[in-house]
Amino acid sequence: MTRVLLHHVQVSCPEGGEDAARRFYAGVLGLPEVPKPPALAARGGCWFRDEGVEVHVGVEPGFAPARKAHPAFLLEDGAALDEAAARCAAAGFPVGWDEDLPGYRRFHTADGNGNRVEVLSPAG
């Protein structure tokens, strides 16, 4: 069977929501923004990519934030996770910790457009 790899995850934003997405994905998570291909750039939105992690933010008419579906970003260790939580809180994003996933420490937050985001690291 062919190995399946995740290429990217897409989340939505309202028209004009790109700067809010940039504030979270680039400003808080540190994912560099990359240019969209010219044929896709006219649609709006923005893309972020760093070492195997790629997030596409697309403009969606009638946008409603995703409250359940979400990307989950795995960080190397607990120190990086604590730093990410501190950056989220300092930038005004919610940080809700839970201990429901065995083997991991994690928190949930929301991106600049209100979409649910999980950030986790291996426990220990």
PDB file of N, CA and C in Angstrom:
ATOM      1  N   MET A   1       0.847  -1.183   0.000  1.00  0.00           N
ATOM      2  CA  MET A   1       0.000   0.000   0.000  1.00  0.00           C
ATOM      3  C   MET A   1       0.887   1.239   0.000  1.00  0.00           C
ATOM      4  N   THR A   2       0.466   2.269  -0.690  1.00  0.00           N
ATOM      5  CA  THR A   2       1.201   3.520  -0.772  1.00  0.00           C
ATOM      6  C   THR A   2       1.117   4.271   0.550  1.00  0.00           C
ATOM      7  N   ARG A   3       2.219   4.825   0.964  1.00  0.00           N
ATOM      8  CA  ARG A   3       2.267   5.635   2.184  1.00  0.00           C
ATOM      9  C   ARG A   3       1.537   6.948   1.929  1.00  0.00           C
ATOM     10  N   VAL A   4       0.716   7.355   2.856  1.00  0.00           N
ATOM     11  CA  VAL A   4      -0.043   8.598   2.743  1.00  0.00           C
ATOM     12  C   VAL A   4       0.562   9.621   3.687  1.00  0.00           C
ATOM     13  N   LEU A   5       0.863  10.788   3.158  1.00  0.00           N
ATOM     14  CA  LEU A   5       1.408  11.886   3.958  1.00  0.00           C
ATOM     15  C   LEU A   5       0.453  13.069   3.898  1.00  0.00           C
ATOM     16  N   LEU A   6       0.388  13.825   4.945  1.00  0.00           N
ATOM     17  CA  LEU A   6      -0.430  15.031   4.966  1.00  0.00           C
ATOM     18  C   LEU A   6       0.345  16.156   4.295  1.00  0.00           C
ATOM     19  N   HIS A   7      -0.228  16.761   3.278  1.00  0.00           N
ATOM     20  CA  HIS A   7       0.425  17.863   2.566  1.00  0.00           C
ATOM     21  C   HIS A   7       0.157  19.191   3.264  1.00  0.00           C
ATOM     22  N   HIS A   8      -1.098  19.475   3.572  1.00  0.00           N
ATOM     23  CA  HIS A   8      -1.445  20.711   4.266  1.00  0.00           C
ATOM     24  C   HIS A   8      -2.807  20.558   4.921  1.00  0.00           C
ATOM     25  N   VAL A   9      -3.116  21.494   5.771  1.00  0.00           N
ATOM     26  CA  VAL A   9      -4.446  21.601   6.352  1.00  0.00           C
ATOM     27  C   VAL A   9      -4.970  22.980   5.961  1.00  0.00           C
ATOM     28  N   GLN A  10      -6.255  23.056   5.674  1.00  0.00           N
ATOM     29  CA  GLN A  10      -6.853  24.347   5.349  1.00  0.00           C
ATOM     30  C   GLN A  10      -7.878  24.707   6.406  1.00  0.00           C
ATOM     31  N   VAL A  11      -7.817  25.947   6.830  1.00  0.00           N
ATOM     32  CA  VAL A  11      -8.828  26.527   7.698  1.00  0.00           C
ATOM     33  C   VAL A  11      -9.421  27.717   6.956  1.00  0.00           C
ATOM     34  N   SER A  12     -10.556  28.170   7.397  1.00  0.00           N
ATOM     35  CA  SER A  12     -11.247  29.253   6.711  1.00  0.00           C
ATOM     36  C   SER A  12     -11.173  30.548   7.504  1.00  0.00           C
ATOM     37  N   CYS A  13     -11.436  31.620   6.772  1.00  0.00           N
ATOM     38  CA  CYS A  13     -11.547  32.929   7.396  1.00  0.00           C
ATOM     39  C   CYS A  13     -12.589  33.725   6.624  1.00  0.00           C
ATOM     40  N   PRO A  14     -13.113  34.783   7.229  1.00  0.00           N
ATOM     41  CA  PRO A  14     -14.036  35.636   6.484  1.00  0.00           C
ATOM     42  C   PRO A  14     -13.249  36.529   5.522  1.00  0.00           C
ATOM     43  N   GLU A  15     -13.931  37.140   4.606  1.00  0.00           N
ATOM     44  CA  GLU A  15     -13.286  38.110   3.728  1.00  0.00           C
ATOM     45  C   GLU A  15     -12.609  39.165   4.594  1.00  0.00           C
ATOM     46  N   GLY A  16     -11.346  39.445   4.313  1.00  0.00           N
ATOM     47  CA  GLY A  16     -10.584  40.412   5.105  1.00  0.00           C
ATOM     48  C   GLY A  16      -9.959  39.825   6.358  1.00  0.00           C
ATOM     49  N   GLY A  17     -10.083  38.505   6.573  1.00  0.00           N
ATOM     50  CA  GLY A  17      -9.562  37.877   7.783  1.00  0.00           C
ATOM     51  C   GLY A  17      -8.103  37.464   7.705  1.00  0.00           C
ATOM     52  N   GLU A  18      -7.422  37.780   6.615  1.00  0.00           N
ATOM     53  CA  GLU A  18      -6.036  37.349   6.447  1.00  0.00           C
ATOM     54  C   GLU A  18      -5.099  37.933   7.503  1.00  0.00           C
ATOM     55  N   ASP A  19      -5.268  39.215   7.853  1.00  0.00           N
ATOM     56  CA  ASP A  19      -4.361  39.805   8.847  1.00  0.00           C
ATOM     57  C   ASP A  19      -4.531  39.159  10.223  1.00  0.00           C
ATOM     58  N   ALA A  20      -5.758  38.801  10.562  1.00  0.00           N
ATOM     59  CA  ALA A  20      -5.990  38.097  11.828  1.00  0.00           C
ATOM     60  C   ALA A  20      -5.316  36.731  11.802  1.00  0.00           C
ATOM     61  N   ALA A  21      -5.364  36.057  10.651  1.00  0.00           N
ATOM     62  CA  ALA A  21      -4.686  34.766  10.510  1.00  0.00           C
ATOM     63  C   ALA A  21      -3.180  34.943  10.621  1.00  0.00           C
ATOM     64  N   ARG A  22      -2.648  35.967   9.989  1.00  0.00           N
ATOM     65  CA  ARG A  22      -1.203  36.236  10.059  1.00  0.00           C
ATOM     66  C   ARG A  22      -0.759  36.490  11.501  1.00  0.00           C
ATOM     67  N   ARG A  23      -1.577  37.215  12.246  1.00  0.00           N
ATOM     68  CA  ARG A  23      -1.226  37.527  13.636  1.00  0.00           C
ATOM     69  C   ARG A  23      -1.070  36.250  14.460  1.00  0.00           C
ATOM     70  N   PHE A  24      -1.883  35.244  14.154  1.00  0.00           N
ATOM     71  CA  PHE A  24      -1.800  33.994  14.908  1.00  0.00           C
ATOM     72  C   PHE A  24      -0.749  33.044  14.331  1.00  0.00           C
ATOM     73  N   TYR A  25      -0.895  32.658  13.069  1.00  0.00           N
ATOM     74  CA  TYR A  25      -0.040  31.608  12.502  1.00  0.00           C
ATOM     75  C   TYR A  25       1.413  32.058  12.356  1.00  0.00           C
ATOM     76  N   ALA A  26       1.635  33.294  11.934  1.00  0.00           N
ATOM     77  CA  ALA A  26       3.011  33.798  11.824  1.00  0.00           C
ATOM     78  C   ALA A  26       3.461  34.418  13.138  1.00  0.00           C
ATOM     79  N   GLY A  27       2.638  35.292  13.705  1.00  0.00           N
ATOM     80  CA  GLY A  27       3.038  36.034  14.895  1.00  0.00           C
ATOM     81  C   GLY A  27       3.167  35.202  16.148  1.00  0.00           C
ATOM     82  N   VAL A  28       2.220  34.306  16.381  1.00  0.00           N
ATOM     83  CA  VAL A  28       2.234  33.511  17.608  1.00  0.00           C
ATOM     84  C   VAL A  28       2.926  32.156  17.407  1.00  0.00           C
ATOM     85  N   LEU A  29       2.526  31.421  16.353  1.00  0.00           N
ATOM     86  CA  LEU A  29       3.128  30.100  16.142  1.00  0.00           C
ATOM     87  C   LEU A  29       4.478  30.165  15.425  1.00  0.00           C
ATOM     88  N   GLY A  30       4.775  31.282  14.773  1.00  0.00           N
ATOM     89  CA  GLY A  30       6.071  31.436  14.116  1.00  0.00           C
ATOM     90  C   GLY A  30       6.178  30.744  12.765  1.00  0.00           C
ATOM     91  N   LEU A  31       5.049  30.441  12.129  1.00  0.00           N
ATOM     92  CA  LEU A  31       5.080  29.824  10.805  1.00  0.00           C
ATOM     93  C   LEU A  31       5.271  30.913   9.750  1.00  0.00           C
ATOM     94  N   PRO A  32       6.322  30.830   8.945  1.00  0.00           N
ATOM     95  CA  PRO A  32       6.539  31.862   7.925  1.00  0.00           C
ATOM     96  C   PRO A  32       5.433  31.830   6.865  1.00  0.00           C
ATOM     97  N   GLU A  33       4.999  33.018   6.466  1.00  0.00           N
ATOM     98  CA  GLU A  33       4.046  33.103   5.366  1.00  0.00           C
ATOM     99  C   GLU A  33       4.789  32.883   4.057  1.00  0.00           C
ATOM    100  N   VAL A  34       4.175  32.149   3.148  1.00  0.00           N
ATOM    101  CA  VAL A  34       4.749  31.907   1.823  1.00  0.00           C
ATOM    102  C   VAL A  34       3.762  32.422   0.785  1.00  0.00           C
ATOM    103  N   PRO A  35       4.271  32.849  -0.374  1.00  0.00           N
ATOM    104  CA  PRO A  35       3.347  33.355  -1.397  1.00  0.00           C
ATOM    105  C   PRO A  35       2.475  32.242  -1.966  1.00  0.00           C
ATOM    106  N   LYS A  36       1.230  32.587  -2.227  1.00  0.00           N
ATOM    107  CA  LYS A  36       0.338  31.655  -2.910  1.00  0.00           C
ATOM    108  C   LYS A  36       0.668  31.688  -4.398  1.00  0.00           C
ATOM    109  N   PRO A  37       0.459  30.592  -5.097  1.00  0.00           N
ATOM    110  CA  PRO A  37       0.644  30.617  -6.550  1.00  0.00           C
ATOM    111  C   PRO A  37      -0.257  31.702  -7.167  1.00  0.00           C
ATOM    112  N   PRO A  38       0.222  32.389  -8.200  1.00  0.00           N
ATOM    113  CA  PRO A  38      -0.550  33.494  -8.784  1.00  0.00           C
ATOM    114  C   PRO A  38      -1.994  33.131  -9.140  1.00  0.00           C
ATOM    115  N   ALA A  39      -2.221  31.942  -9.665  1.00  0.00           N
ATOM    116  CA  ALA A  39      -3.579  31.551 -10.047  1.00  0.00           C
ATOM    117  C   ALA A  39      -4.503  31.444  -8.838  1.00  0.00           C
ATOM    118  N   LEU A  40      -3.945  31.201  -7.656  1.00  0.00           N
ATOM    119  CA  LEU A  40      -4.753  31.069  -6.437  1.00  0.00           C
ATOM    120  C   LEU A  40      -4.786  32.345  -5.606  1.00  0.00           C
ATOM    121  N   ALA A  41      -3.823  33.221  -5.794  1.00  0.00           N
ATOM    122  CA  ALA A  41      -3.721  34.437  -4.982  1.00  0.00           C
ATOM    123  C   ALA A  41      -4.945  35.334  -5.122  1.00  0.00           C
ATOM    124  N   ALA A  42      -5.548  35.339  -6.302  1.00  0.00           N
ATOM    125  CA  ALA A  42      -6.709  36.202  -6.529  1.00  0.00           C
ATOM    126  C   ALA A  42      -7.904  35.810  -5.660  1.00  0.00           C
ATOM    127  N   ARG A  43      -7.898  34.611  -5.124  1.00  0.00           N
ATOM    128  CA  ARG A  43      -9.002  34.143  -4.275  1.00  0.00           C
ATOM    129  C   ARG A  43      -8.920  34.694  -2.859  1.00  0.00           C
ATOM    130  N   GLY A  44      -7.819  35.348  -2.518  1.00  0.00           N
ATOM    131  CA  GLY A  44      -7.622  35.801  -1.150  1.00  0.00           C
ATOM    132  C   GLY A  44      -7.032  34.695  -0.304  1.00  0.00           C
ATOM    133  N   GLY A  45      -6.946  34.927   0.971  1.00  0.00           N
ATOM    134  CA  GLY A  45      -6.366  33.954   1.875  1.00  0.00           C
ATOM    135  C   GLY A  45      -4.856  34.093   1.957  1.00  0.00           C
ATOM    136  N   CYS A  46      -4.226  33.202   2.697  1.00  0.00           N
ATOM    137  CA  CYS A  46      -2.773  33.231   2.872  1.00  0.00           C
ATOM    138  C   CYS A  46      -2.297  31.844   3.267  1.00  0.00           C
ATOM    139  N   TRP A  47      -1.025  31.584   2.998  1.00  0.00           N
ATOM    140  CA  TRP A  47      -0.422  30.280   3.287  1.00  0.00           C
ATOM    141  C   TRP A  47       0.775  30.450   4.209  1.00  0.00           C
ATOM    142  N   PHE A  48       0.985  29.438   5.054  1.00  0.00           N
ATOM    143  CA  PHE A  48       2.112  29.406   5.989  1.00  0.00           C
ATOM    144  C   PHE A  48       2.785  28.051   5.873  1.00  0.00           C
ATOM    145  N   ARG A  49       4.128  28.035   5.931  1.00  0.00           N
ATOM    146  CA  ARG A  49       4.848  26.763   5.760  1.00  0.00           C
ATOM    147  C   ARG A  49       6.176  26.808   6.508  1.00  0.00           C
ATOM    148  N   ASP A  50       6.483  25.701   7.190  1.00  0.00           N
ATOM    149  CA  ASP A  50       7.772  25.563   7.870  1.00  0.00           C
ATOM    150  C   ASP A  50       8.034  24.091   8.156  1.00  0.00           C
ATOM    151  N   GLU A  51       9.089  23.538   7.593  1.00  0.00           N
ATOM    152  CA  GLU A  51       9.564  22.176   7.877  1.00  0.00           C
ATOM    153  C   GLU A  51       8.450  21.137   7.993  1.00  0.00           C
ATOM    154  N   GLY A  52       7.719  20.943   6.917  1.00  0.00           N
ATOM    155  CA  GLY A  52       6.713  19.901   6.897  1.00  0.00           C
ATOM    156  C   GLY A  52       5.357  20.291   7.441  1.00  0.00           C
ATOM    157  N   VAL A  53       5.217  21.510   7.933  1.00  0.00           N
ATOM    158  CA  VAL A  53       3.931  21.999   8.408  1.00  0.00           C
ATOM    159  C   VAL A  53       3.444  23.042   7.412  1.00  0.00           C
ATOM    160  N   GLU A  54       2.243  22.833   6.878  1.00  0.00           N
ATOM    161  CA  GLU A  54       1.695  23.803   5.936  1.00  0.00           C
ATOM    162  C   GLU A  54       0.232  24.052   6.274  1.00  0.00           C
ATOM    163  N   VAL A  55      -0.102  25.325   6.432  1.00  0.00           N
ATOM    164  CA  VAL A  55      -1.465  25.749   6.739  1.00  0.00           C
ATOM    165  C   VAL A  55      -1.913  26.702   5.645  1.00  0.00           C
ATOM    166  N   HIS A  56      -3.051  26.399   5.044  1.00  0.00           N
ATOM    167  CA  HIS A  56      -3.667  27.298   4.074  1.00  0.00           C
ATOM    168  C   HIS A  56      -4.879  27.925   4.744  1.00  0.00           C
ATOM    169  N   VAL A  57      -4.981  29.233   4.661  1.00  0.00           N
ATOM    170  CA  VAL A  57      -6.142  29.947   5.180  1.00  0.00           C
ATOM    171  C   VAL A  57      -6.904  30.464   3.971  1.00  0.00           C
ATOM    172  N   GLY A  58      -8.128  29.985   3.807  1.00  0.00           N
ATOM    173  CA  GLY A  58      -8.931  30.353   2.652  1.00  0.00           C
ATOM    174  C   GLY A  58     -10.122  31.197   3.038  1.00  0.00           C
ATOM    175  N   VAL A  59     -10.443  32.153   2.180  1.00  0.00           N
ATOM    176  CA  VAL A  59     -11.607  33.005   2.396  1.00  0.00           C
ATOM    177  C   VAL A  59     -12.860  32.204   2.053  1.00  0.00           C
ATOM    178  N   GLU A  60     -13.814  32.203   2.977  1.00  0.00           N
ATOM    179  CA  GLU A  60     -15.046  31.432   2.794  1.00  0.00           C
ATOM    180  C   GLU A  60     -16.263  32.338   2.956  1.00  0.00           C
ATOM    181  N   PRO A  61     -17.067  32.463   1.904  1.00  0.00           N
ATOM    182  CA  PRO A  61     -18.318  33.225   2.049  1.00  0.00           C
ATOM    183  C   PRO A  61     -19.183  32.581   3.128  1.00  0.00           C
ATOM    184  N   GLY A  62     -19.848  33.395   3.919  1.00  0.00           N
ATOM    185  CA  GLY A  62     -20.683  32.854   4.995  1.00  0.00           C
ATOM    186  C   GLY A  62     -19.871  32.189   6.088  1.00  0.00           C
ATOM    187  N   PHE A  63     -18.635  32.618   6.275  1.00  0.00           N
ATOM    188  CA  PHE A  63     -17.707  32.020   7.238  1.00  0.00           C
ATOM    189  C   PHE A  63     -18.319  31.876   8.628  1.00  0.00           C
ATOM    190  N   ALA A  64     -18.079  30.719   9.234  1.00  0.00           N
ATOM    191  CA  ALA A  64     -18.353  30.462  10.647  1.00  0.00           C
ATOM    192  C   ALA A  64     -17.132  29.729  11.183  1.00  0.00           C
ATOM    193  N   PRO A  65     -16.583  30.152  12.321  1.00  0.00           N
ATOM    194  CA  PRO A  65     -15.389  29.488  12.860  1.00  0.00           C
ATOM    195  C   PRO A  65     -15.621  28.012  13.146  1.00  0.00           C
ATOM    196  N   ALA A  66     -14.605  27.205  12.899  1.00  0.00           N
ATOM    197  CA  ALA A  66     -14.651  25.778  13.231  1.00  0.00           C
ATOM    198  C   ALA A  66     -14.458  25.631  14.738  1.00  0.00           C
ATOM    199  N   ARG A  67     -15.445  25.096  15.412  1.00  0.00           N
ATOM    200  CA  ARG A  67     -15.385  24.949  16.874  1.00  0.00           C
ATOM    201  C   ARG A  67     -14.945  23.560  17.307  1.00  0.00           C
ATOM    202  N   LYS A  68     -15.088  22.559  16.427  1.00  0.00           N
ATOM    203  CA  LYS A  68     -14.705  21.190  16.765  1.00  0.00           C
ATOM    204  C   LYS A  68     -13.531  20.732  15.893  1.00  0.00           C
ATOM    205  N   ALA A  69     -13.690  20.776  14.572  1.00  0.00           N
ATOM    206  CA  ALA A  69     -12.598  20.400  13.659  1.00  0.00           C
ATOM    207  C   ALA A  69     -11.434  21.359  13.884  1.00  0.00           C
ATOM    208  N   HIS A  70     -10.201  20.819  13.817  1.00  0.00           N
ATOM    209  CA  HIS A  70      -9.057  21.681  14.117  1.00  0.00           C
ATOM    210  C   HIS A  70      -7.749  21.049  13.664  1.00  0.00           C
ATOM    211  N   PRO A  71      -6.760  21.890  13.373  1.00  0.00           N
ATOM    212  CA  PRO A  71      -5.402  21.368  13.209  1.00  0.00           C
ATOM    213  C   PRO A  71      -4.782  21.203  14.597  1.00  0.00           C
ATOM    214  N   ALA A  72      -3.841  20.271  14.702  1.00  0.00           N
ATOM    215  CA  ALA A  72      -3.090  20.074  15.948  1.00  0.00           C
ATOM    216  C   ALA A  72      -1.613  20.174  15.612  1.00  0.00           C
ATOM    217  N   PHE A  73      -0.921  21.059  16.298  1.00  0.00           N
ATOM    218  CA  PHE A  73       0.496  21.293  16.056  1.00  0.00           C
ATOM    219  C   PHE A  73       1.301  20.632  17.163  1.00  0.00           C
ATOM    220  N   LEU A  74       2.184  19.703  16.773  1.00  0.00           N
ATOM    221  CA  LEU A  74       3.017  18.967  17.713  1.00  0.00           C
ATOM    222  C   LEU A  74       4.336  19.707  17.898  1.00  0.00           C
ATOM    223  N   LEU A  75       4.637  20.076  19.129  1.00  0.00           N
ATOM    224  CA  LEU A  75       5.896  20.744  19.453  1.00  0.00           C
ATOM    225  C   LEU A  75       6.855  19.735  20.073  1.00  0.00           C
ATOM    226  N   GLU A  76       8.133  20.059  20.015  1.00  0.00           N
ATOM    227  CA  GLU A  76       9.186  19.113  20.417  1.00  0.00           C
ATOM    228  C   GLU A  76       9.136  18.692  21.881  1.00  0.00           C
ATOM    229  N   ASP A  77       8.849  19.635  22.752  1.00  0.00           N
ATOM    230  CA  ASP A  77       8.931  19.320  24.180  1.00  0.00           C
ATOM    231  C   ASP A  77       8.053  20.256  24.989  1.00  0.00           C
ATOM    232  N   GLY A  78       8.004  19.983  26.274  1.00  0.00           N
ATOM    233  CA  GLY A  78       7.167  20.756  27.176  1.00  0.00           C
ATOM    234  C   GLY A  78       7.565  22.210  27.284  1.00  0.00           C
ATOM    235  N   ALA A  79       8.856  22.509  27.191  1.00  0.00           N
ATOM    236  CA  ALA A  79       9.292  23.905  27.271  1.00  0.00           C
ATOM    237  C   ALA A  79       8.753  24.692  26.076  1.00  0.00           C
ATOM    238  N   ALA A  80       8.819  24.098  24.881  1.00  0.00           N
ATOM    239  CA  ALA A  80       8.282  24.758  23.690  1.00  0.00           C
ATOM    240  C   ALA A  80       6.772  24.943  23.811  1.00  0.00           C
ATOM    241  N   LEU A  81       6.100  23.969  24.402  1.00  0.00           N
ATOM    242  CA  LEU A  81       4.655  24.064  24.597  1.00  0.00           C
ATOM    243  C   LEU A  81       4.315  25.193  25.557  1.00  0.00           C
ATOM    244  N   ASP A  82       5.039  25.276  26.662  1.00  0.00           N
ATOM    245  CA  ASP A  82       4.804  26.355  27.632  1.00  0.00           C
ATOM    246  C   ASP A  82       5.060  27.724  26.997  1.00  0.00           C
ATOM    247  N   GLU A  83       6.102  27.821  26.173  1.00  0.00           N
ATOM    248  CA  GLU A  83       6.398  29.083  25.477  1.00  0.00           C
ATOM    249  C   GLU A  83       5.278  29.449  24.509  1.00  0.00           C
ATOM    250  N   ALA A  84       4.769  28.468  23.791  1.00  0.00           N
ATOM    251  CA  ALA A  84       3.666  28.727  22.853  1.00  0.00           C
ATOM    252  C   ALA A  84       2.419  29.192  23.599  1.00  0.00           C
ATOM    253  N   ALA A  85       2.127  28.563  24.723  1.00  0.00           N
ATOM    254  CA  ALA A  85       0.968  28.970  25.524  1.00  0.00           C
ATOM    255  C   ALA A  85       1.145  30.403  26.029  1.00  0.00           C
ATOM    256  N   ALA A  86       2.350  30.737  26.455  1.00  0.00           N
ATOM    257  CA  ALA A  86       2.616  32.097  26.936  1.00  0.00           C
ATOM    258  C   ALA A  86       2.465  33.117  25.802  1.00  0.00           C
ATOM    259  N   ARG A  87       2.962  32.782  24.603  1.00  0.00           N
ATOM    260  CA  ARG A  87       2.813  33.692  23.456  1.00  0.00           C
ATOM    261  C   ARG A  87       1.341  33.882  23.100  1.00  0.00           C
ATOM    262  N   CYS A  88       0.573  32.790  23.128  1.00  0.00           N
ATOM    263  CA  CYS A  88      -0.862  32.893  22.856  1.00  0.00           C
ATOM    264  C   CYS A  88      -1.534  33.835  23.855  1.00  0.00           C
ATOM    265  N   ALA A  89      -1.295  33.592  25.120  1.00  0.00           N
ATOM    266  CA  ALA A  89      -1.921  34.408  26.164  1.00  0.00           C
ATOM    267  C   ALA A  89      -1.501  35.868  26.050  1.00  0.00           C
ATOM    268  N   ALA A  90      -0.214  36.114  25.813  1.00  0.00           N
ATOM    269  CA  ALA A  90       0.286  37.491  25.708  1.00  0.00           C
ATOM    270  C   ALA A  90      -0.329  38.223  24.520  1.00  0.00           C
ATOM    271  N   ALA A  91      -0.662  37.484  23.471  1.00  0.00           N
ATOM    272  CA  ALA A  91      -1.253  38.089  22.279  1.00  0.00           C
ATOM    273  C   ALA A  91      -2.779  38.158  22.370  1.00  0.00           C
ATOM    274  N   GLY A  92      -3.343  37.691  23.481  1.00  0.00           N
ATOM    275  CA  GLY A  92      -4.781  37.784  23.692  1.00  0.00           C
ATOM    276  C   GLY A  92      -5.593  36.607  23.184  1.00  0.00           C
ATOM    277  N   PHE A  93      -4.919  35.505  22.855  1.00  0.00           N
ATOM    278  CA  PHE A  93      -5.625  34.307  22.413  1.00  0.00           C
ATOM    279  C   PHE A  93      -5.913  33.426  23.626  1.00  0.00           C
ATOM    280  N   PRO A  94      -7.054  32.733  23.650  1.00  0.00           N
ATOM    281  CA  PRO A  94      -7.380  31.884  24.799  1.00  0.00           C
ATOM    282  C   PRO A  94      -6.428  30.694  24.903  1.00  0.00           C
ATOM    283  N   VAL A  95      -6.218  30.230  26.121  1.00  0.00           N
ATOM    284  CA  VAL A  95      -5.408  29.037  26.359  1.00  0.00           C
ATOM    285  C   VAL A  95      -6.180  28.163  27.339  1.00  0.00           C
ATOM    286  N   GLY A  96      -6.619  27.017  26.860  1.00  0.00           N
ATOM    287  CA  GLY A  96      -7.364  26.078  27.699  1.00  0.00           C
ATOM    288  C   GLY A  96      -6.644  24.743  27.757  1.00  0.00           C
ATOM    289  N   TRP A  97      -6.029  24.459  28.891  1.00  0.00           N
ATOM    290  CA  TRP A  97      -5.279  23.213  29.070  1.00  0.00           C
ATOM    291  C   TRP A  97      -6.232  22.069  29.367  1.00  0.00           C
ATOM    292  N   ASP A  98      -5.880  20.866  28.925  1.00  0.00           N
ATOM    293  CA  ASP A  98      -6.579  19.667  29.391  1.00  0.00           C
ATOM    294  C   ASP A  98      -5.600  18.506  29.424  1.00  0.00           C
ATOM    295  N   GLU A  99      -5.969  17.478  30.177  1.00  0.00           N
ATOM    296  CA  GLU A  99      -5.102  16.313  30.365  1.00  0.00           C
ATOM    297  C   GLU A  99      -5.783  15.047  29.854  1.00  0.00           C
ATOM    298  N   ASP A 100      -6.646  15.195  28.850  1.00  0.00           N
ATOM    299  CA  ASP A 100      -7.463  14.075  28.401  1.00  0.00           C
ATOM    300  C   ASP A 100      -6.798  13.171  27.369  1.00  0.00           C
ATOM    301  N   LEU A 101      -5.641  13.540  26.847  1.00  0.00           N
ATOM    302  CA  LEU A 101      -4.971  12.737  25.823  1.00  0.00           C
ATOM    303  C   LEU A 101      -3.736  12.087  26.447  1.00  0.00           C
ATOM    304  N   PRO A 102      -3.779  10.797  26.761  1.00  0.00           N
ATOM    305  CA  PRO A 102      -2.658  10.125  27.419  1.00  0.00           C
ATOM    306  C   PRO A 102      -1.364  10.262  26.612  1.00  0.00           C
ATOM    307  N   GLY A 103      -0.288  10.567  27.328  1.00  0.00           N
ATOM    308  CA  GLY A 103       1.026  10.665  26.710  1.00  0.00           C
ATOM    309  C   GLY A 103       1.376  12.039  26.186  1.00  0.00           C
ATOM    310  N   TYR A 104       0.450  12.993  26.307  1.00  0.00           N
ATOM    311  CA  TYR A 104       0.682  14.341  25.786  1.00  0.00           C
ATOM    312  C   TYR A 104       0.211  15.390  26.774  1.00  0.00           C
ATOM    313  N   ARG A 105       0.875  16.539  26.727  1.00  0.00           N
ATOM    314  CA  ARG A 105       0.366  17.761  27.351  1.00  0.00           C
ATOM    315  C   ARG A 105      -0.181  18.587  26.207  1.00  0.00           C
ATOM    316  N   ARG A 106      -1.300  19.257  26.434  1.00  0.00           N
ATOM    317  CA  ARG A 106      -1.870  20.038  25.332  1.00  0.00           C
ATOM    318  C   ARG A 106      -2.753  21.165  25.836  1.00  0.00           C
ATOM    319  N   PHE A 107      -2.919  22.125  24.930  1.00  0.00           N
ATOM    320  CA  PHE A 107      -3.908  23.169  25.161  1.00  0.00           C
ATOM    321  C   PHE A 107      -4.632  23.453  23.862  1.00  0.00           C
ATOM    322  N   HIS A 108      -5.812  24.013  24.004  1.00  0.00           N
ATOM    323  CA  HIS A 108      -6.582  24.458  22.853  1.00  0.00           C
ATOM    324  C   HIS A 108      -6.638  25.978  22.895  1.00  0.00           C
ATOM    325  N   THR A 109      -6.652  26.553  21.714  1.00  0.00           N
ATOM    326  CA  THR A 109      -6.756  27.992  21.565  1.00  0.00           C
ATOM    327  C   THR A 109      -7.639  28.252  20.355  1.00  0.00           C
ATOM    328  N   ALA A 110      -7.682  29.481  19.910  1.00  0.00           N
ATOM    329  CA  ALA A 110      -8.414  29.841  18.699  1.00  0.00           C
ATOM    330  C   ALA A 110      -7.528  30.762  17.889  1.00  0.00           C
ATOM    331  N   ASP A 111      -7.535  30.569  16.570  1.00  0.00           N
ATOM    332  CA  ASP A 111      -6.743  31.465  15.727  1.00  0.00           C
ATOM    333  C   ASP A 111      -7.414  32.835  15.657  1.00  0.00           C
ATOM    334  N   GLY A 112      -6.865  33.735  14.906  1.00  0.00           N
ATOM    335  CA  GLY A 112      -7.378  35.097  14.850  1.00  0.00           C
ATOM    336  C   GLY A 112      -8.792  35.224  14.330  1.00  0.00           C
ATOM    337  N   ASN A 113      -9.299  34.166  13.701  1.00  0.00           N
ATOM    338  CA  ASN A 113     -10.666  34.179  13.183  1.00  0.00           C
ATOM    339  C   ASN A 113     -11.607  33.276  13.982  1.00  0.00           C
ATOM    340  N   GLY A 114     -11.131  32.774  15.113  1.00  0.00           N
ATOM    341  CA  GLY A 114     -11.971  31.986  16.003  1.00  0.00           C
ATOM    342  C   GLY A 114     -11.980  30.496  15.760  1.00  0.00           C
ATOM    343  N   ASN A 115     -11.173  29.999  14.808  1.00  0.00           N
ATOM    344  CA  ASN A 115     -11.092  28.561  14.556  1.00  0.00           C
ATOM    345  C   ASN A 115     -10.333  27.861  15.677  1.00  0.00           C
ATOM    346  N   ARG A 116     -10.817  26.711  16.091  1.00  0.00           N
ATOM    347  CA  ARG A 116     -10.156  25.925  17.135  1.00  0.00           C
ATOM    348  C   ARG A 116      -8.793  25.437  16.645  1.00  0.00           C
ATOM    349  N   VAL A 117      -7.794  25.489  17.527  1.00  0.00           N
ATOM    350  CA  VAL A 117      -6.434  25.016  17.246  1.00  0.00           C
ATOM    351  C   VAL A 117      -5.938  24.281  18.486  1.00  0.00           C
ATOM    352  N   GLU A 118      -5.309  23.144  18.281  1.00  0.00           N
ATOM    353  CA  GLU A 118      -4.701  22.374  19.373  1.00  0.00           C
ATOM    354  C   GLU A 118      -3.190  22.466  19.248  1.00  0.00           C
ATOM    355  N   VAL A 119      -2.504  22.600  20.378  1.00  0.00           N
ATOM    356  CA  VAL A 119      -1.047  22.610  20.421  1.00  0.00           C
ATOM    357  C   VAL A 119      -0.648  21.613  21.503  1.00  0.00           C
ATOM    358  N   LEU A 120       0.254  20.685  21.142  1.00  0.00           N
ATOM    359  CA  LEU A 120       0.597  19.625  22.102  1.00  0.00           C
ATOM    360  C   LEU A 120       2.062  19.236  21.996  1.00  0.00           C
ATOM    361  N   SER A 121       2.527  18.543  23.036  1.00  0.00           N
ATOM    362  CA  SER A 121       3.872  17.993  23.063  1.00  0.00           C
ATOM    363  C   SER A 121       3.826  16.679  23.849  1.00  0.00           C
ATOM    364  N   PRO A 122       4.800  15.812  23.611  1.00  0.00           N
ATOM    365  CA  PRO A 122       4.847  14.571  24.392  1.00  0.00           C
ATOM    366  C   PRO A 122       4.990  14.887  25.877  1.00  0.00           C
ATOM    367  N   ALA A 123       4.304  14.130  26.697  1.00  0.00           N
ATOM    368  CA  ALA A 123       4.401  14.308  28.156  1.00  0.00           C
ATOM    369  C   ALA A 123       5.750  13.756  28.628  1.00  0.00           C
ATOM    370  N   GLY A 124       6.211  14.351  29.695  1.00  0.00           N
ATOM    371  CA  GLY A 124       7.411  13.784  30.302  1.00  0.00           C
ATOM    372  C   GLY A 124       8.617  14.544  30.175  1.00  0.00           C
TER     373      GLY A 124
END
